[in-house]
Amino acid sequence: MNSYSRIIPLLVLAGLLGCTPKVDFDLQGHRGARGLLPENSIPSFLMASDLGVNTIEMDVVVAADSQVVVSHDPQMSAGICSHPDGTPVTEEDEQVLTLFTMSYEQIAAFDCGIRGNERFPDQESLSVQKPLLIDALRAIEAHSEVPLRYNIEIKSKEEGDGVLHPDVGTFAELVYEVLDELGLMDRAIVQSFDPRALEAFKLLEPEATLAFLVSNEMGFEPNMGRLSFRPQIYSPNHKLVDQSLVDSVHGLGMTIVPWTVNETDRMEELLILGVDGLITDYPDRGAALKP
């Protein structure tokens, strides 16, 4: 089915509901193209680029040697990672394999793709390592034919300070230094569930594009009260999104980009509600809804 054959029914349905769906929305590849290739890996990022995303979403942690590493989990995941000798990381191993206590050389010796991911049966197994943020960005820049944006999540929380990651000020500064070195600040979004991380990054770069990730059910106004400023993007779990939330976010001049939207029907519903972007593990599905 080509993109126009999906867009036409979407436009018709929206017309019946008296809405104008977004078809020129910000398509973000979650951890690259996690549904198709191992997450947060350079091959996954390059596939997302080839599938036509506008933005590549990724997560970062910090190694013991202060290098910024692309990884969602603060430990080696028992679900997808293998030791250097090829044996799977166990749940017991996971508890002691904290990336913040490992040098990047140690981290890079582990494979986090050859086992596949049972949650994503369409994902191709592939031998991959957790890349440095700077290497991942360089690879994407060299590969992509069009300038892409980068949505980089600082994975921090209060109870993780000094245990799973450095203090948020240091964490934000390390990410800032990579983006500044590569000259990508104007195409970067920095996101976090941790308001402290967003506050810290804004101090470093007042004009930075920031996204507030939300998974709780507190509501829009209470969540906004957790920040001292108004970020450009509000990024809730897609299950929290309804017309009232979209209207509230837009009413403050912000954009709304929900996560992680993998079913085409739900993508269509959200676009009819007027969201400004979608974060998805399957950027091929999202691309089918674009002109």
C-alpha atoms as a PDB file:
ATOM      1  CA  MET A   1       0.000   0.000   0.000  1.00  0.00           C
ATOM      2  CA  ASN A   2       1.552   3.337  -1.005  1.00  0.00           C
ATOM      3  CA  SER A   3       1.472   6.406   1.201  1.00  0.00           C
ATOM      4  CA  TYR A   4      -1.357   8.134  -0.645  1.00  0.00           C
ATOM      5  CA  SER A   5      -3.648   5.107  -0.330  1.00  0.00           C
ATOM      6  CA  ARG A   6      -3.288   5.381   3.460  1.00  0.00           C
ATOM      7  CA  ILE A   7      -3.516   9.174   3.604  1.00  0.00           C
ATOM      8  CA  ILE A   8      -6.779   9.472   1.634  1.00  0.00           C
ATOM      9  CA  PRO A   9      -8.886   7.418   4.111  1.00  0.00           C
ATOM     10  CA  LEU A  10      -7.282   9.367   6.954  1.00  0.00           C
ATOM     11  CA  LEU A  11      -8.282  12.665   5.373  1.00  0.00           C
ATOM     12  CA  VAL A  12     -11.811  11.420   4.717  1.00  0.00           C
ATOM     13  CA  LEU A  13     -12.289  10.260   8.305  1.00  0.00           C
ATOM     14  CA  ALA A  14     -10.891  13.498   9.637  1.00  0.00           C
ATOM     15  CA  GLY A  15     -13.266  15.447   7.409  1.00  0.00           C
ATOM     16  CA  LEU A  16     -16.240  13.552   8.790  1.00  0.00           C
ATOM     17  CA  LEU A  17     -15.076  14.421  12.296  1.00  0.00           C
ATOM     18  CA  GLY A  18     -14.492  18.052  11.397  1.00  0.00           C
ATOM     19  CA  CYS A  19     -10.746  17.793  12.014  1.00  0.00           C
ATOM     20  CA  THR A  20      -7.619  18.515  10.010  1.00  0.00           C
ATOM     21  CA  PRO A  21      -5.092  15.701  10.513  1.00  0.00           C
ATOM     22  CA  LYS A  22      -1.386  16.350  10.363  1.00  0.00           C
ATOM     23  CA  VAL A  23       0.259  14.663   7.403  1.00  0.00           C
ATOM     24  CA  ASP A  24       3.444  16.720   7.560  1.00  0.00           C
ATOM     25  CA  PHE A  25       4.303  15.590  11.079  1.00  0.00           C
ATOM     26  CA  ASP A  26       7.611  14.938  12.827  1.00  0.00           C
ATOM     27  CA  LEU A  27       8.248  11.220  12.361  1.00  0.00           C
ATOM     28  CA  GLN A  28      10.723  10.036  14.987  1.00  0.00           C
ATOM     29  CA  GLY A  29      12.430   6.658  14.878  1.00  0.00           C
ATOM     30  CA  HIS A  30      12.420   5.293  18.434  1.00  0.00           C
ATOM     31  CA  ARG A  31      15.892   4.007  19.307  1.00  0.00           C
ATOM     32  CA  GLY A  32      16.358   4.116  15.545  1.00  0.00           C
ATOM     33  CA  ALA A  33      14.074   1.474  14.101  1.00  0.00           C
ATOM     34  CA  ARG A  34      13.768  -0.845  17.108  1.00  0.00           C
ATOM     35  CA  GLY A  35      11.017  -2.931  15.595  1.00  0.00           C
ATOM     36  CA  LEU A  36      13.295  -3.866  12.685  1.00  0.00           C
ATOM     37  CA  LEU A  37      16.919  -3.769  13.913  1.00  0.00           C
ATOM     38  CA  PRO A  38      18.598  -3.848  17.355  1.00  0.00           C
ATOM     39  CA  GLU A  39      17.799  -0.763  19.379  1.00  0.00           C
ATOM     40  CA  ASN A  40      20.090   2.216  19.821  1.00  0.00           C
ATOM     41  CA  SER A  41      22.612   0.810  17.352  1.00  0.00           C
ATOM     42  CA  ILE A  42      24.216   2.521  14.392  1.00  0.00           C
ATOM     43  CA  PRO A  43      22.603   0.101  11.866  1.00  0.00           C
ATOM     44  CA  SER A  44      19.209   0.850  13.414  1.00  0.00           C
ATOM     45  CA  PHE A  45      19.782   4.598  13.136  1.00  0.00           C
ATOM     46  CA  LEU A  46      20.848   4.305   9.507  1.00  0.00           C
ATOM     47  CA  MET A  47      17.784   2.215   8.669  1.00  0.00           C
ATOM     48  CA  ALA A  48      15.545   4.843  10.284  1.00  0.00           C
ATOM     49  CA  SER A  49      17.216   7.467   8.122  1.00  0.00           C
ATOM     50  CA  ASP A  50      16.607   5.387   5.005  1.00  0.00           C
ATOM     51  CA  LEU A  51      12.942   4.918   5.942  1.00  0.00           C
ATOM     52  CA  GLY A  52      12.368   8.671   5.881  1.00  0.00           C
ATOM     53  CA  VAL A  53      12.243   9.827   9.491  1.00  0.00           C
ATOM     54  CA  ASN A  54      12.616  13.501  10.305  1.00  0.00           C
ATOM     55  CA  THR A  55      14.173  12.808  13.701  1.00  0.00           C
ATOM     56  CA  ILE A  56      16.155   9.961  15.207  1.00  0.00           C
ATOM     57  CA  GLU A  57      15.417   9.312  18.873  1.00  0.00           C
ATOM     58  CA  MET A  58      18.050   7.763  21.130  1.00  0.00           C
ATOM     59  CA  ASP A  59      18.944   7.370  24.805  1.00  0.00           C
ATOM     60  CA  VAL A  60      22.240   8.140  26.498  1.00  0.00           C
ATOM     61  CA  VAL A  61      24.062   7.085  29.641  1.00  0.00           C
ATOM     62  CA  VAL A  62      27.565   7.836  30.921  1.00  0.00           C
ATOM     63  CA  ALA A  63      30.452   5.368  31.247  1.00  0.00           C
ATOM     64  CA  ALA A  64      32.988   5.329  34.077  1.00  0.00           C
ATOM     65  CA  ASP A  65      35.445   7.216  31.873  1.00  0.00           C
ATOM     66  CA  SER A  66      32.874  10.019  31.334  1.00  0.00           C
ATOM     67  CA  GLN A  67      32.122   9.063  27.744  1.00  0.00           C
ATOM     68  CA  VAL A  68      28.517   9.446  26.587  1.00  0.00           C
ATOM     69  CA  VAL A  69      27.185   6.071  25.467  1.00  0.00           C
ATOM     70  CA  VAL A  70      23.990   5.365  23.531  1.00  0.00           C
ATOM     71  CA  SER A  71      21.938   3.006  25.697  1.00  0.00           C
ATOM     72  CA  HIS A  72      18.431   2.904  27.108  1.00  0.00           C
ATOM     73  CA  ASP A  73      19.284   0.790  30.134  1.00  0.00           C
ATOM     74  CA  PRO A  74      21.821   1.789  32.797  1.00  0.00           C
ATOM     75  CA  GLN A  75      22.975  -1.840  32.964  1.00  0.00           C
ATOM     76  CA  MET A  76      23.748  -4.497  30.387  1.00  0.00           C
ATOM     77  CA  SER A  77      20.298  -5.858  29.640  1.00  0.00           C
ATOM     78  CA  ALA A  78      19.629  -9.524  30.375  1.00  0.00           C
ATOM     79  CA  GLY A  79      17.017  -9.403  27.645  1.00  0.00           C
ATOM     80  CA  ILE A  80      19.290  -8.586  24.711  1.00  0.00           C
ATOM     81  CA  CYS A  81      22.985  -8.476  25.670  1.00  0.00           C
ATOM     82  CA  SER A  82      25.763 -11.064  25.627  1.00  0.00           C
ATOM     83  CA  HIS A  83      29.119 -11.250  27.396  1.00  0.00           C
ATOM     84  CA  PRO A  84      32.306 -10.925  25.319  1.00  0.00           C
ATOM     85  CA  ASP A  85      32.513 -14.740  25.273  1.00  0.00           C
ATOM     86  CA  GLY A  86      29.028 -14.956  23.756  1.00  0.00           C
ATOM     87  CA  THR A  87      27.130 -16.195  26.808  1.00  0.00           C
ATOM     88  CA  PRO A  88      23.878 -14.343  27.540  1.00  0.00           C
ATOM     89  CA  VAL A  89      23.826 -11.744  30.290  1.00  0.00           C
ATOM     90  CA  THR A  90      21.670 -13.123  33.098  1.00  0.00           C
ATOM     91  CA  GLU A  91      19.415 -11.167  35.449  1.00  0.00           C
ATOM     92  CA  GLU A  92      22.013 -11.694  38.172  1.00  0.00           C
ATOM     93  CA  ASP A  93      24.747 -10.374  35.876  1.00  0.00           C
ATOM     94  CA  GLU A  94      22.627  -7.364  35.001  1.00  0.00           C
ATOM     95  CA  GLN A  95      22.588  -6.193  38.610  1.00  0.00           C
ATOM     96  CA  VAL A  96      26.379  -5.782  38.670  1.00  0.00           C
ATOM     97  CA  LEU A  97      27.000  -4.715  35.066  1.00  0.00           C
ATOM     98  CA  THR A  98      26.208  -1.046  35.614  1.00  0.00           C
ATOM     99  CA  LEU A  99      27.508   0.994  32.688  1.00  0.00           C
ATOM    100  CA  PHE A 100      28.491   3.907  34.938  1.00  0.00           C
ATOM    101  CA  THR A 101      31.032   1.608  36.613  1.00  0.00           C
ATOM    102  CA  MET A 102      32.461   0.304  33.311  1.00  0.00           C
ATOM    103  CA  SER A 103      34.874   1.938  30.903  1.00  0.00           C
ATOM    104  CA  TYR A 104      33.683   2.330  27.336  1.00  0.00           C
ATOM    105  CA  GLU A 105      36.250  -0.253  26.250  1.00  0.00           C
ATOM    106  CA  GLN A 106      34.573  -2.753  28.587  1.00  0.00           C
ATOM    107  CA  ILE A 107      31.078  -1.778  27.402  1.00  0.00           C
ATOM    108  CA  ALA A 108      31.983  -2.118  23.732  1.00  0.00           C
ATOM    109  CA  ALA A 109      33.115  -5.714  24.268  1.00  0.00           C
ATOM    110  CA  PHE A 110      29.484  -6.777  24.885  1.00  0.00           C
ATOM    111  CA  ASP A 111      27.075  -7.601  22.055  1.00  0.00           C
ATOM    112  CA  CYS A 112      23.496  -6.334  22.325  1.00  0.00           C
ATOM    113  CA  GLY A 113      21.881  -7.479  19.114  1.00  0.00           C
ATOM    114  CA  ILE A 114      22.807 -10.983  18.044  1.00  0.00           C
ATOM    115  CA  ARG A 115      20.240 -12.558  20.403  1.00  0.00           C
ATOM    116  CA  GLY A 116      17.406 -10.544  18.887  1.00  0.00           C
ATOM    117  CA  ASN A 117      14.531  -9.241  20.992  1.00  0.00           C
ATOM    118  CA  GLU A 118      11.558 -11.461  21.778  1.00  0.00           C
ATOM    119  CA  ARG A 119       9.342  -8.389  22.173  1.00  0.00           C
ATOM    120  CA  PHE A 120       9.937  -7.521  18.523  1.00  0.00           C
ATOM    121  CA  PRO A 121       9.599 -10.652  16.377  1.00  0.00           C
ATOM    122  CA  ASP A 122      10.240  -8.690  13.163  1.00  0.00           C
ATOM    123  CA  GLN A 123      13.574  -7.425  14.464  1.00  0.00           C
ATOM    124  CA  GLU A 124      16.547  -8.836  12.561  1.00  0.00           C
ATOM    125  CA  SER A 125      19.260 -10.186  14.854  1.00  0.00           C
ATOM    126  CA  LEU A 126      22.571  -8.482  14.223  1.00  0.00           C
ATOM    127  CA  SER A 127      25.843  -8.275  16.103  1.00  0.00           C
ATOM    128  CA  VAL A 128      26.047  -4.711  17.462  1.00  0.00           C
ATOM    129  CA  GLN A 129      27.681  -2.836  20.315  1.00  0.00           C
ATOM    130  CA  LYS A 130      26.505   0.160  22.283  1.00  0.00           C
ATOM    131  CA  PRO A 131      28.071   3.085  20.388  1.00  0.00           C
ATOM    132  CA  LEU A 132      29.428   6.331  21.697  1.00  0.00           C
ATOM    133  CA  LEU A 133      27.029   9.208  21.081  1.00  0.00           C
ATOM    134  CA  ILE A 134      29.640  11.073  19.065  1.00  0.00           C
ATOM    135  CA  ASP A 135      30.269   8.052  16.821  1.00  0.00           C
ATOM    136  CA  ALA A 136      26.557   7.433  16.265  1.00  0.00           C
ATOM    137  CA  LEU A 137      25.929  11.041  15.272  1.00  0.00           C
ATOM    138  CA  ARG A 138      28.925  11.099  12.948  1.00  0.00           C
ATOM    139  CA  ALA A 139      27.761   7.903  11.251  1.00  0.00           C
ATOM    140  CA  ILE A 140      24.238   9.238  10.699  1.00  0.00           C
ATOM    141  CA  GLU A 141      25.531  12.568   9.406  1.00  0.00           C
ATOM    142  CA  ALA A 142      27.783  10.794   6.916  1.00  0.00           C
ATOM    143  CA  HIS A 143      24.980   8.477   5.780  1.00  0.00           C
ATOM    144  CA  SER A 144      21.901  10.672   5.538  1.00  0.00           C
ATOM    145  CA  GLU A 145      21.225  12.595   2.350  1.00  0.00           C
ATOM    146  CA  VAL A 146      19.127  15.178   4.201  1.00  0.00           C
ATOM    147  CA  PRO A 147      19.789  16.952   7.517  1.00  0.00           C
ATOM    148  CA  LEU A 148      18.053  15.059  10.302  1.00  0.00           C
ATOM    149  CA  ARG A 149      17.160  16.096  13.813  1.00  0.00           C
ATOM    150  CA  TYR A 150      18.297  14.167  16.872  1.00  0.00           C
ATOM    151  CA  ASN A 151      16.123  13.600  19.933  1.00  0.00           C
ATOM    152  CA  ILE A 152      18.494  12.630  22.726  1.00  0.00           C
ATOM    153  CA  GLU A 153      17.124  11.416  26.041  1.00  0.00           C
ATOM    154  CA  ILE A 154      19.140  12.010  29.189  1.00  0.00           C
ATOM    155  CA  LYS A 155      18.456   8.887  31.279  1.00  0.00           C
ATOM    156  CA  SER A 156      18.620  10.250  34.804  1.00  0.00           C
ATOM    157  CA  LYS A 157      16.613  10.066  38.001  1.00  0.00           C
ATOM    158  CA  GLU A 158      17.228  11.311  41.528  1.00  0.00           C
ATOM    159  CA  GLU A 159      17.909   7.895  43.016  1.00  0.00           C
ATOM    160  CA  GLY A 160      20.441   7.238  40.255  1.00  0.00           C
ATOM    161  CA  ASP A 161      22.711  10.187  41.081  1.00  0.00           C
ATOM    162  CA  GLY A 162      26.231   8.931  41.650  1.00  0.00           C
ATOM    163  CA  VAL A 163      25.086   5.329  41.234  1.00  0.00           C
ATOM    164  CA  LEU A 164      23.734   4.937  37.705  1.00  0.00           C
ATOM    165  CA  HIS A 165      24.989   8.249  36.328  1.00  0.00           C
ATOM    166  CA  PRO A 166      26.806  11.424  37.366  1.00  0.00           C
ATOM    167  CA  ASP A 167      24.926  14.369  38.831  1.00  0.00           C
ATOM    168  CA  VAL A 168      22.545  15.881  36.293  1.00  0.00           C
ATOM    169  CA  GLY A 169      24.647  18.995  35.815  1.00  0.00           C
ATOM    170  CA  THR A 170      27.643  16.921  34.764  1.00  0.00           C
ATOM    171  CA  PHE A 171      25.452  14.617  32.667  1.00  0.00           C
ATOM    172  CA  ALA A 172      23.927  17.561  30.795  1.00  0.00           C
ATOM    173  CA  GLU A 173      27.355  19.132  30.253  1.00  0.00           C
ATOM    174  CA  LEU A 174      28.772  15.928  28.741  1.00  0.00           C
ATOM    175  CA  VAL A 175      25.883  15.733  26.261  1.00  0.00           C
ATOM    176  CA  TYR A 176      26.225  19.443  25.495  1.00  0.00           C
ATOM    177  CA  GLU A 177      29.935  19.023  24.716  1.00  0.00           C
ATOM    178  CA  VAL A 178      29.243  16.314  22.121  1.00  0.00           C
ATOM    179  CA  LEU A 179      26.547  18.339  20.370  1.00  0.00           C
ATOM    180  CA  ASP A 180      28.671  21.479  20.473  1.00  0.00           C
ATOM    181  CA  GLU A 181      31.742  19.695  19.078  1.00  0.00           C
ATOM    182  CA  LEU A 182      29.741  18.384  16.114  1.00  0.00           C
ATOM    183  CA  GLY A 183      27.874  21.648  15.544  1.00  0.00           C
ATOM    184  CA  LEU A 184      24.490  19.922  15.900  1.00  0.00           C
ATOM    185  CA  MET A 185      22.907  21.989  18.651  1.00  0.00           C
ATOM    186  CA  ASP A 186      20.465  23.625  16.233  1.00  0.00           C
ATOM    187  CA  ARG A 187      19.199  20.216  15.083  1.00  0.00           C
ATOM    188  CA  ALA A 188      19.079  18.606  18.496  1.00  0.00           C
ATOM    189  CA  ILE A 189      16.243  18.014  20.904  1.00  0.00           C
ATOM    190  CA  VAL A 190      17.185  17.092  24.459  1.00  0.00           C
ATOM    191  CA  GLN A 191      14.475  15.202  26.291  1.00  0.00           C
ATOM    192  CA  SER A 192      14.087  13.650  29.726  1.00  0.00           C
ATOM    193  CA  PHE A 193      11.561  12.413  32.260  1.00  0.00           C
ATOM    194  CA  ASP A 194      13.765  14.140  34.840  1.00  0.00           C
ATOM    195  CA  PRO A 195      12.919  17.855  35.151  1.00  0.00           C
ATOM    196  CA  ARG A 196      16.339  18.442  36.717  1.00  0.00           C
ATOM    197  CA  ALA A 197      18.085  17.331  33.531  1.00  0.00           C
ATOM    198  CA  LEU A 198      16.075  19.754  31.421  1.00  0.00           C
ATOM    199  CA  GLU A 199      16.734  22.583  33.862  1.00  0.00           C
ATOM    200  CA  ALA A 200      20.472  21.795  33.771  1.00  0.00           C
ATOM    201  CA  PHE A 201      20.634  21.729  29.983  1.00  0.00           C
ATOM    202  CA  LYS A 202      18.724  24.989  29.678  1.00  0.00           C
ATOM    203  CA  LEU A 203      21.339  26.658  31.881  1.00  0.00           C
ATOM    204  CA  LEU A 204      24.021  25.496  29.457  1.00  0.00           C
ATOM    205  CA  GLU A 205      22.094  26.409  26.304  1.00  0.00           C
ATOM    206  CA  PRO A 206      19.139  28.749  26.920  1.00  0.00           C
ATOM    207  CA  GLU A 207      17.948  28.413  23.304  1.00  0.00           C
ATOM    208  CA  ALA A 208      18.047  24.594  23.265  1.00  0.00           C
ATOM    209  CA  THR A 209      14.987  22.699  22.086  1.00  0.00           C
ATOM    210  CA  LEU A 210      13.793  20.687  25.075  1.00  0.00           C
ATOM    211  CA  ALA A 211      11.138  17.993  25.409  1.00  0.00           C
ATOM    212  CA  PHE A 212       9.470  16.968  28.662  1.00  0.00           C
ATOM    213  CA  LEU A 213       8.758  13.228  28.708  1.00  0.00           C
ATOM    214  CA  VAL A 214       5.728  12.194  30.752  1.00  0.00           C
ATOM    215  CA  SER A 215       4.431   8.771  31.756  1.00  0.00           C
ATOM    216  CA  ASN A 216       2.437   9.620  34.889  1.00  0.00           C
ATOM    217  CA  GLU A 217      -1.266  10.481  35.101  1.00  0.00           C
ATOM    218  CA  MET A 218      -0.857  13.699  37.111  1.00  0.00           C
ATOM    219  CA  GLY A 219      -2.250  15.768  34.265  1.00  0.00           C
ATOM    220  CA  PHE A 220      -0.823  18.509  32.082  1.00  0.00           C
ATOM    221  CA  GLU A 221      -0.865  21.456  34.476  1.00  0.00           C
ATOM    222  CA  PRO A 222       0.661  19.591  37.465  1.00  0.00           C
ATOM    223  CA  ASN A 223       3.391  18.216  35.233  1.00  0.00           C
ATOM    224  CA  MET A 224       4.176  21.627  33.794  1.00  0.00           C
ATOM    225  CA  GLY A 225       4.447  22.879  37.366  1.00  0.00           C
ATOM    226  CA  ARG A 226       7.455  20.610  37.826  1.00  0.00           C
ATOM    227  CA  LEU A 227       9.498  22.878  35.523  1.00  0.00           C
ATOM    228  CA  SER A 228      10.507  26.510  36.000  1.00  0.00           C
ATOM    229  CA  PHE A 229      10.135  27.178  32.267  1.00  0.00           C
ATOM    230  CA  ARG A 230       7.968  26.171  29.332  1.00  0.00           C
ATOM    231  CA  PRO A 231       9.698  23.598  27.088  1.00  0.00           C
ATOM    232  CA  GLN A 232       9.043  23.586  23.376  1.00  0.00           C
ATOM    233  CA  ILE A 233       7.760  19.998  23.373  1.00  0.00           C
ATOM    234  CA  TYR A 234       5.475  17.993  25.644  1.00  0.00           C
ATOM    235  CA  SER A 235       6.025  14.287  25.051  1.00  0.00           C
ATOM    236  CA  PRO A 236       3.558  12.003  26.859  1.00  0.00           C
ATOM    237  CA  ASN A 237       2.858   8.302  26.657  1.00  0.00           C
ATOM    238  CA  HIS A 238       0.434   8.045  23.741  1.00  0.00           C
ATOM    239  CA  LYS A 239      -2.151   6.393  26.016  1.00  0.00           C
ATOM    240  CA  LEU A 240      -2.496   9.705  27.877  1.00  0.00           C
ATOM    241  CA  VAL A 241      -3.334  11.698  24.752  1.00  0.00           C
ATOM    242  CA  ASP A 242      -6.851  12.928  24.077  1.00  0.00           C
ATOM    243  CA  GLN A 243      -8.266  16.042  22.441  1.00  0.00           C
ATOM    244  CA  SER A 244      -8.207  17.988  25.687  1.00  0.00           C
ATOM    245  CA  LEU A 245      -4.499  17.379  26.186  1.00  0.00           C
ATOM    246  CA  VAL A 246      -3.657  18.293  22.593  1.00  0.00           C
ATOM    247  CA  ASP A 247      -5.628  21.521  22.934  1.00  0.00           C
ATOM    248  CA  SER A 248      -3.988  22.358  26.277  1.00  0.00           C
ATOM    249  CA  VAL A 249      -0.475  21.859  24.915  1.00  0.00           C
ATOM    250  CA  HIS A 250      -1.177  23.874  21.774  1.00  0.00           C
ATOM    251  CA  GLY A 251      -2.822  26.558  23.873  1.00  0.00           C
ATOM    252  CA  LEU A 252       0.545  27.274  25.482  1.00  0.00           C
ATOM    253  CA  GLY A 253       2.291  27.422  22.117  1.00  0.00           C
ATOM    254  CA  MET A 254       4.000  24.062  22.580  1.00  0.00           C
ATOM    255  CA  THR A 255       4.047  21.005  20.355  1.00  0.00           C
ATOM    256  CA  ILE A 256       2.972  17.522  21.429  1.00  0.00           C
ATOM    257  CA  VAL A 257       4.893  14.425  20.344  1.00  0.00           C
ATOM    258  CA  PRO A 258       3.645  11.200  21.976  1.00  0.00           C
ATOM    259  CA  TRP A 259       5.545   7.940  22.409  1.00  0.00           C
ATOM    260  CA  THR A 260       5.792   5.005  21.596  1.00  0.00           C
ATOM    261  CA  VAL A 261       3.134   4.572  18.885  1.00  0.00           C
ATOM    262  CA  ASN A 262       3.471   1.320  16.962  1.00  0.00           C
ATOM    263  CA  GLU A 263       0.002   0.488  15.645  1.00  0.00           C
ATOM    264  CA  THR A 264      -1.079   2.253  12.467  1.00  0.00           C
ATOM    265  CA  ASP A 265      -4.659   2.711  13.686  1.00  0.00           C
ATOM    266  CA  ARG A 266      -3.432   4.554  16.762  1.00  0.00           C
ATOM    267  CA  MET A 267      -1.092   6.682  14.658  1.00  0.00           C
ATOM    268  CA  GLU A 268      -4.080   7.725  12.562  1.00  0.00           C
ATOM    269  CA  GLU A 269      -6.171   8.522  15.645  1.00  0.00           C
ATOM    270  CA  LEU A 270      -3.438  10.714  17.091  1.00  0.00           C
ATOM    271  CA  LEU A 271      -2.893  12.573  13.836  1.00  0.00           C
ATOM    272  CA  ILE A 272      -6.615  13.299  13.653  1.00  0.00           C
ATOM    273  CA  LEU A 273      -6.387  14.693  17.204  1.00  0.00           C
ATOM    274  CA  GLY A 274      -3.682  17.041  15.925  1.00  0.00           C
ATOM    275  CA  VAL A 275      -0.437  15.781  17.461  1.00  0.00           C
ATOM    276  CA  ASP A 276       2.681  17.295  15.941  1.00  0.00           C
ATOM    277  CA  GLY A 277       4.762  14.150  15.750  1.00  0.00           C
ATOM    278  CA  LEU A 278       4.982  10.456  16.533  1.00  0.00           C
ATOM    279  CA  ILE A 279       7.750   8.438  18.142  1.00  0.00           C
ATOM    280  CA  THR A 280       7.615   4.859  16.871  1.00  0.00           C
ATOM    281  CA  ASP A 281       9.598   1.627  16.798  1.00  0.00           C
ATOM    282  CA  TYR A 282       8.329   1.134  13.250  1.00  0.00           C
ATOM    283  CA  PRO A 283       9.208   4.227  11.219  1.00  0.00           C
ATOM    284  CA  ASP A 284       8.129   2.368   8.064  1.00  0.00           C
ATOM    285  CA  ARG A 285       4.540   2.394   9.350  1.00  0.00           C
ATOM    286  CA  GLY A 286       4.697   6.079  10.176  1.00  0.00           C
ATOM    287  CA  ALA A 287       6.242   6.925   6.810  1.00  0.00           C
ATOM    288  CA  ALA A 288       3.239   5.330   5.091  1.00  0.00           C
ATOM    289  CA  LEU A 289       1.100   8.136   6.547  1.00  0.00           C
ATOM    290  CA  LYS A 290       3.193  10.888   5.012  1.00  0.00           C
ATOM    291  CA  PRO A 291       2.728  12.335   1.495  1.00  0.00           C
END
